[in-house]
C-alpha cells in the first residue's frame, strides 16, 4: 500500500494544482464577461417630480415612471470581436396619468470584462425620434468591471457628454447581499442652448436663446463580483436659464429603482456573484493548497520508501 500511496498522492496533488490554475486563469475569464444576448427591463420611479410641459408651456408636478429595456445585439457583437459587446437601449418616461413625456434610444459598445466604452459599431444616441447622433463615449457605461475595486471610476454621463468621477464611498448591504456604494456629483453646468419664446423666460422678446443648465447627483450600489448595478438613486435637475438666472425648470426628479427591480437584481446577482467569487478565489486557493499539501506528502513518502530500500 505504501508503495503506491506516494505516487498516488503526487498524482492527485499535481491534478489539483493544475485544476486550480485552470479554474482561475481559464474558467474564470470565460465566466467574467457580459452576455452577448442581454435582455433586461429596469424600472425606476420618481415621486413628486417637476417637468416642463411643451404642450401647455408650463411647469407641472407628477409622479414619473421610467422603463428601460436593454437588448444585446448578438450579430453586431460577433462582427466586432475583440471581447466587445454591443447593446441597444430604449427608455420611456411616463407621467402618472400614462402620458409619455419622452422617449430615447441608444446603441453602445463596451469591453465585456472591464465594462469600459469602446468607440465602434455605429454607436449612437437618439433623444428626438428619427434624429440619431453618433456617440463617442468613454468610461463605464452600463456597469462596473467584474471584480470591482474600492476606488474611483470614470462613469459616462450622456447629458454632460463626458465622464464624471464615480467615487467609492463604503461597503453596504441590500437584503443580505454585499454591495459597494459609489457616488458622483455634477454641479450646475451649462450643457447646451436652445431658442425659446421670450414669454417662457419672462421676457418681452419674441424669441431668445436660453442656456440649458444641468445638475446631477447619483448613487450606485454595485455587486462587486459582477460589477452590475443592484440599486440606483439619481437626482437630476435641468433648467432653462437666461441672463445668468434659471427661469424655467425643465426637469427636477429624484429617480430610483423600484422595489421590484431591486429585489430581482438581488436574486439574480447574488447567485452569479457567489459563482464568480468561487471561481476567482475560493476554488483555486483551496484546490491549490490541498494540491501542494498532497504533493508534498507524496514526495515525502517516496523519499522514505527510497531510504528504506537503500537501508535494506
Protein backbone atom coordinates (compact mmCIF):
# COMPACT_ATOMS: atom_id res chain seq x y z
CA UNK A 1 0.00 0.00 0.00
CA UNK A 2 2.78 2.44 0.92
CA UNK A 3 4.46 1.61 -2.37
CA UNK A 4 1.60 3.11 -4.40
CA UNK A 5 0.42 5.74 -1.87
CA UNK A 6 3.28 8.13 -2.52
CA UNK A 7 2.90 8.23 -6.32
CA UNK A 8 -0.88 8.39 -5.91
CA UNK A 9 -0.64 11.45 -3.66
CA UNK A 10 1.82 13.08 -6.07
CA UNK A 11 -0.59 12.47 -8.95
CA UNK A 12 -3.63 13.81 -7.11
CA UNK A 13 -1.63 16.80 -5.85
CA UNK A 14 -0.45 17.67 -9.38
CA UNK A 15 -4.01 17.29 -10.67
CA UNK A 16 -5.40 19.67 -8.03
CA UNK A 17 -2.71 22.26 -8.71
CA UNK A 18 -3.40 22.16 -12.46
CA UNK A 19 -7.14 22.27 -11.79
CA UNK A 20 -6.70 25.34 -9.56
CA UNK A 21 -4.73 27.12 -12.29
CA UNK A 22 -7.29 26.16 -14.95
CA UNK A 23 -10.22 27.44 -12.88
CA UNK A 24 -8.53 30.76 -12.09
CA UNK A 25 -6.90 31.53 -15.42
CA UNK A 26 -9.18 29.77 -17.92
CA UNK A 27 -12.64 29.14 -16.47
CA UNK A 28 -12.95 32.43 -14.55
CA UNK A 29 -12.10 34.68 -17.55
CA UNK A 30 -14.73 32.78 -19.56
CA UNK A 31 -17.34 33.44 -16.87
CA UNK A 32 -16.43 37.07 -16.10
CA UNK A 33 -17.86 38.58 -19.29
CA UNK A 34 -21.07 40.47 -20.05
CA UNK A 35 -23.61 38.42 -22.04
CA UNK A 36 -23.99 38.86 -25.78
CA UNK A 37 -27.75 38.29 -25.68
CA UNK A 38 -28.61 40.66 -22.83
CA UNK A 39 -32.37 41.06 -22.37
CA UNK A 40 -33.47 43.02 -19.31
CA UNK A 41 -36.03 45.59 -18.23
CA UNK A 42 -35.22 48.08 -15.48
CA UNK A 43 -37.94 50.19 -13.88
CA UNK A 44 -37.45 53.44 -11.99
CA UNK A 45 -39.80 55.89 -10.33
CA UNK A 46 -39.76 59.49 -9.16
CA UNK A 47 -42.42 60.82 -6.81
CA UNK A 48 -43.42 64.48 -6.98
CA UNK A 49 -41.23 65.29 -9.99
CA UNK A 50 -41.37 68.53 -11.94
CA UNK A 51 -41.26 68.67 -15.75
CA UNK A 52 -41.92 71.32 -18.38
CA UNK A 53 -44.97 70.52 -20.48
CA UNK A 54 -44.12 71.66 -24.03
CA UNK A 55 -47.79 71.49 -24.97
CA UNK A 56 -49.05 73.92 -22.34
CA UNK A 57 -45.68 75.70 -21.88
CA UNK A 58 -45.99 75.35 -18.11
CA UNK A 59 -44.22 73.52 -15.31
CA UNK A 60 -46.17 70.55 -13.97
CA UNK A 61 -45.79 68.23 -10.99
CA UNK A 62 -46.39 64.49 -11.30
CA UNK A 63 -45.06 61.09 -10.33
CA UNK A 64 -42.85 59.66 -13.06
CA UNK A 65 -42.30 56.07 -14.11
CA UNK A 66 -39.33 55.12 -16.23
CA UNK A 67 -38.85 51.87 -18.12
CA UNK A 68 -35.53 51.00 -19.67
CA UNK A 69 -35.11 47.93 -21.87
CA UNK A 70 -31.63 46.69 -22.75
CA UNK A 71 -31.07 44.18 -25.55
CA UNK A 72 -27.85 42.62 -26.74
CA UNK A 73 -27.10 42.92 -30.47
CA UNK A 74 -25.62 39.44 -30.98
CA UNK A 75 -24.85 39.92 -34.67
CA UNK A 76 -23.01 43.21 -34.10
CA UNK A 77 -21.15 41.71 -31.15
CA UNK A 78 -19.94 38.76 -33.22
CA UNK A 79 -18.85 41.09 -36.01
CA UNK A 80 -16.95 43.33 -33.58
CA UNK A 81 -14.99 40.52 -31.89
CA UNK A 82 -12.14 41.50 -29.52
CA UNK A 83 -14.23 40.84 -26.39
CA UNK A 84 -16.64 43.66 -27.36
CA UNK A 85 -20.33 43.72 -26.51
CA UNK A 86 -22.90 45.82 -28.38
CA UNK A 87 -26.11 46.62 -26.53
CA UNK A 88 -29.19 48.56 -27.55
CA UNK A 89 -31.25 50.51 -25.02
CA UNK A 90 -34.63 52.21 -25.14
CA UNK A 91 -36.08 54.42 -22.41
CA UNK A 92 -39.60 55.77 -21.98
CA UNK A 93 -40.74 58.21 -19.30
CA UNK A 94 -44.41 58.50 -18.37
CA UNK A 95 -46.42 60.80 -16.14
CA UNK A 96 -48.79 59.38 -13.52
CA UNK A 97 -51.73 59.59 -15.98
CA UNK A 98 -49.86 57.45 -18.53
CA UNK A 99 -48.84 60.31 -20.80
CA UNK A 100 -45.47 59.70 -22.45
CA UNK A 101 -43.18 62.60 -21.61
CA UNK A 102 -40.14 61.43 -23.54
CA UNK A 103 -38.61 58.51 -25.37
CA UNK A 104 -35.00 57.87 -26.26
CA UNK A 105 -32.80 55.17 -27.76
CA UNK A 106 -29.12 54.39 -27.72
CA UNK A 107 -26.61 51.90 -29.06
CA UNK A 108 -23.34 51.43 -27.23
CA UNK A 109 -20.28 49.18 -27.38
CA UNK A 110 -18.11 48.25 -24.43
CA UNK A 111 -15.48 45.80 -23.26
CA UNK A 112 -17.16 42.62 -21.99
CA UNK A 113 -14.85 42.32 -18.97
CA UNK A 114 -13.99 45.87 -17.91
CA UNK A 115 -17.32 47.44 -18.89
CA UNK A 116 -15.46 50.43 -20.38
CA UNK A 117 -16.79 52.09 -23.52
CA UNK A 118 -15.40 51.15 -26.93
CA UNK A 119 -15.99 53.55 -29.80
CA UNK A 120 -17.15 51.37 -32.67
CA UNK A 121 -20.12 49.59 -34.11
CA UNK A 122 -22.18 52.66 -35.12
CA UNK A 123 -22.85 53.78 -31.55
CA UNK A 124 -25.48 56.49 -31.31
CA UNK A 125 -27.99 58.35 -29.17
CA UNK A 126 -31.50 59.36 -30.24
CA UNK A 127 -33.41 61.72 -27.97
CA UNK A 128 -35.64 63.00 -30.80
CA UNK A 129 -37.36 60.38 -32.93
CA UNK A 130 -35.58 59.96 -36.26
CA UNK A 131 -32.60 62.11 -35.25
CA UNK A 132 -29.73 59.78 -34.43
CA UNK A 133 -26.48 61.35 -33.31
CA UNK A 134 -23.17 59.48 -33.43
CA UNK A 135 -21.85 58.96 -29.90
CA UNK A 136 -18.25 58.68 -28.75
CA UNK A 137 -18.38 57.51 -25.17
CA UNK A 138 -15.74 56.97 -22.50
CA UNK A 139 -15.56 55.30 -19.10
CA UNK A 140 -18.09 52.86 -17.64
CA UNK A 141 -21.47 52.77 -19.38
CA UNK A 142 -23.83 50.11 -18.09
CA UNK A 143 -21.80 48.55 -15.31
CA UNK A 144 -18.58 48.46 -13.35
CA UNK A 145 -15.81 45.93 -14.13
CA UNK A 146 -16.01 42.37 -12.95
CA UNK A 147 -14.18 42.21 -9.60
CA UNK A 148 -15.00 45.87 -8.90
CA UNK A 149 -12.42 47.59 -6.70
CA UNK A 150 -12.93 50.11 -3.91
CA UNK A 151 -11.72 53.11 -5.90
CA UNK A 152 -12.91 55.94 -8.14
CA UNK A 153 -14.08 55.02 -11.64
CA UNK A 154 -14.94 57.21 -14.62
CA UNK A 155 -18.68 56.93 -15.35
CA UNK A 156 -20.19 58.17 -18.60
CA UNK A 157 -22.82 60.93 -18.28
CA UNK A 158 -24.73 61.22 -21.55
CA UNK A 159 -26.28 64.59 -20.73
CA UNK A 160 -22.95 66.11 -19.79
CA UNK A 161 -21.21 64.45 -22.72
CA UNK A 162 -18.21 63.37 -20.67
CA UNK A 163 -17.23 61.19 -17.74
CA UNK A 164 -17.65 62.03 -14.07
CA UNK A 165 -15.83 60.72 -11.01
CA UNK A 166 -17.81 57.83 -9.54
CA UNK A 167 -16.25 57.59 -6.08
CA UNK A 168 -16.30 54.57 -3.80
CA UNK A 169 -17.97 55.50 -0.51
CA UNK A 170 -18.39 52.36 1.59
CA UNK A 171 -19.36 48.72 1.72
CA UNK A 172 -23.10 48.28 2.18
CA UNK A 173 -25.74 45.56 2.18
CA UNK A 174 -29.06 45.20 0.39
CA UNK A 175 -31.31 42.38 1.57
CA UNK A 176 -28.29 40.40 2.71
CA UNK A 177 -26.28 40.98 -0.48
CA UNK A 178 -22.92 42.72 -0.08
CA UNK A 179 -22.61 45.76 -2.34
CA UNK A 180 -20.23 48.66 -2.90
CA UNK A 181 -21.71 52.14 -2.70
CA UNK A 182 -20.48 54.75 -5.21
CA UNK A 183 -21.41 58.41 -5.60
CA UNK A 184 -20.94 61.11 -8.25
CA UNK A 185 -21.93 64.75 -8.41
CA UNK A 186 -22.25 67.17 -11.31
CA UNK A 187 -22.53 70.81 -10.20
CA UNK A 188 -24.75 73.24 -12.12
CA UNK A 189 -23.25 73.16 -15.61
CA UNK A 190 -24.30 74.50 -18.99
CA UNK A 191 -24.78 71.61 -21.42
CA UNK A 192 -26.30 73.46 -24.36
CA UNK A 193 -28.58 76.25 -25.51
CA UNK A 194 -31.87 76.50 -27.35
CA UNK A 195 -34.10 79.12 -28.88
CA UNK A 196 -37.37 79.54 -26.99
CA UNK A 197 -40.25 82.03 -26.83
CA UNK A 198 -39.29 85.02 -24.71
CA UNK A 199 -42.50 84.71 -22.72
CA UNK A 200 -41.32 81.39 -21.27
CA UNK A 201 -38.35 83.20 -19.78
CA UNK A 202 -40.44 86.14 -18.58
CA UNK A 203 -39.15 88.47 -21.28
CA UNK A 204 -40.98 90.56 -23.92
CA UNK A 205 -38.91 89.45 -26.93
CA UNK A 206 -40.47 87.01 -29.41
CA UNK A 207 -37.61 84.54 -29.11
CA UNK A 208 -34.48 84.31 -27.00
CA UNK A 209 -31.52 81.97 -26.72
CA UNK A 210 -31.69 80.19 -23.37
CA UNK A 211 -28.91 78.20 -21.74
CA UNK A 212 -29.66 74.62 -20.72
CA UNK A 213 -28.30 74.07 -17.21
CA UNK A 214 -27.78 70.65 -15.68
CA UNK A 215 -27.19 69.29 -12.17
CA UNK A 216 -26.93 65.64 -11.18
CA UNK A 217 -26.23 63.66 -8.01
CA UNK A 218 -26.06 59.90 -8.47
CA UNK A 219 -25.62 56.94 -6.10
CA UNK A 220 -24.97 53.40 -7.32
CA UNK A 221 -24.98 50.20 -5.27
CA UNK A 222 -22.85 47.65 -7.13
CA UNK A 223 -22.44 43.89 -6.63
CA UNK A 224 -18.62 43.72 -6.72
CA UNK A 225 -18.02 40.31 -8.33
CA UNK A 226 -20.26 41.01 -11.35
CA UNK A 227 -19.89 44.80 -11.40
CA UNK A 228 -23.64 45.07 -12.01
CA UNK A 229 -25.79 47.83 -10.52
CA UNK A 230 -28.20 46.46 -7.91
CA UNK A 231 -29.81 49.77 -6.94
CA UNK A 232 -29.60 53.37 -8.09
CA UNK A 233 -30.72 56.78 -6.89
CA UNK A 234 -30.34 59.84 -9.11
CA UNK A 235 -31.44 63.42 -8.51
CA UNK A 236 -31.46 65.29 -11.84
CA UNK A 237 -32.29 68.94 -12.43
CA UNK A 238 -32.33 70.63 -15.83
CA UNK A 239 -33.35 74.24 -16.27
CA UNK A 240 -33.57 76.94 -18.91
CA UNK A 241 -31.56 79.96 -17.85
CA UNK A 242 -31.31 83.47 -19.20
CA UNK A 243 -29.01 86.28 -18.19
CA UNK A 244 -27.35 84.01 -15.61
CA UNK A 245 -30.61 83.07 -13.89
CA UNK A 246 -32.68 79.88 -14.04
CA UNK A 247 -36.09 80.85 -15.43
CA UNK A 248 -37.78 77.51 -16.15
CA UNK A 249 -37.39 74.09 -14.56
CA UNK A 250 -37.37 71.57 -17.40
CA UNK A 251 -36.87 68.55 -15.12
CA UNK A 252 -36.49 68.05 -11.38
CA UNK A 253 -36.74 64.37 -10.49
CA UNK A 254 -35.36 62.05 -7.86
CA UNK A 255 -35.25 58.73 -9.73
CA UNK A 256 -34.73 55.41 -8.01
CA UNK A 257 -35.11 51.74 -8.86
CA UNK A 258 -38.48 50.29 -7.94
CA UNK A 259 -38.58 47.76 -5.09
CA UNK A 260 -39.41 45.02 -7.61
CA UNK A 261 -36.34 45.83 -9.72
CA UNK A 262 -34.05 45.83 -6.68
CA UNK A 263 -35.47 42.50 -5.44
CA UNK A 264 -34.99 40.91 -8.88
CA UNK A 265 -31.42 42.20 -9.05
CA UNK A 266 -30.60 40.80 -5.61
CA UNK A 267 -31.99 37.38 -6.54
CA UNK A 268 -30.14 37.28 -9.85
CA UNK A 269 -26.81 38.83 -8.92
CA UNK A 270 -26.43 37.10 -5.57
CA UNK A 271 -26.07 33.70 -7.22
CA UNK A 272 -23.88 34.95 -10.05
CA UNK A 273 -21.62 36.83 -7.65
CA UNK A 274 -21.15 33.73 -5.49
CA UNK A 275 -20.22 31.61 -8.51
CA UNK A 276 -17.70 34.17 -9.74
CA UNK A 277 -16.19 34.59 -6.28
CA UNK A 278 -15.83 30.83 -6.00
CA UNK A 279 -14.08 30.59 -9.38
CA UNK A 280 -11.87 33.64 -8.79
CA UNK A 281 -10.58 32.92 -5.27
CA UNK A 282 -12.11 30.17 -3.14
CA UNK A 283 -11.87 27.20 -5.50
CA UNK A 284 -8.35 27.95 -6.83
CA UNK A 285 -6.97 28.66 -3.35
CA UNK A 286 -8.49 25.58 -1.71
CA UNK A 287 -7.60 23.26 -4.59
CA UNK A 288 -4.13 24.75 -4.93
CA UNK A 289 -3.28 24.48 -1.23
CA UNK A 290 -4.65 20.94 -0.99
CA UNK A 291 -2.70 20.02 -4.10
CA UNK A 292 0.55 21.38 -2.64
CA UNK A 293 -0.04 19.50 0.62
CA UNK A 294 -0.75 16.20 -1.15
CA UNK A 295 2.19 16.69 -3.49
CA UNK A 296 4.47 17.31 -0.52
CA UNK A 297 3.19 14.25 1.33
CA UNK A 298 3.60 12.11 -1.75
CA UNK A 299 7.18 13.25 -2.27
CA UNK A 300 7.93 12.69 1.42
CA UNK A 301 6.53 9.17 1.35
CA UNK A 302 8.50 8.45 -1.81
CA UNK A 303 11.75 9.56 -0.21
CA UNK A 304 11.08 7.46 2.90
CA UNK A 305 10.43 4.45 0.67
CA UNK A 306 13.76 5.08 -1.13
CA UNK A 307 15.58 5.37 2.21
CA UNK A 308 14.04 2.14 3.48
CA UNK A 309 15.00 0.36 0.28
CA UNK A 310 18.58 1.65 0.49
CA UNK A 311 18.89 0.66 4.14
CA UNK A 312 17.57 -2.79 3.46
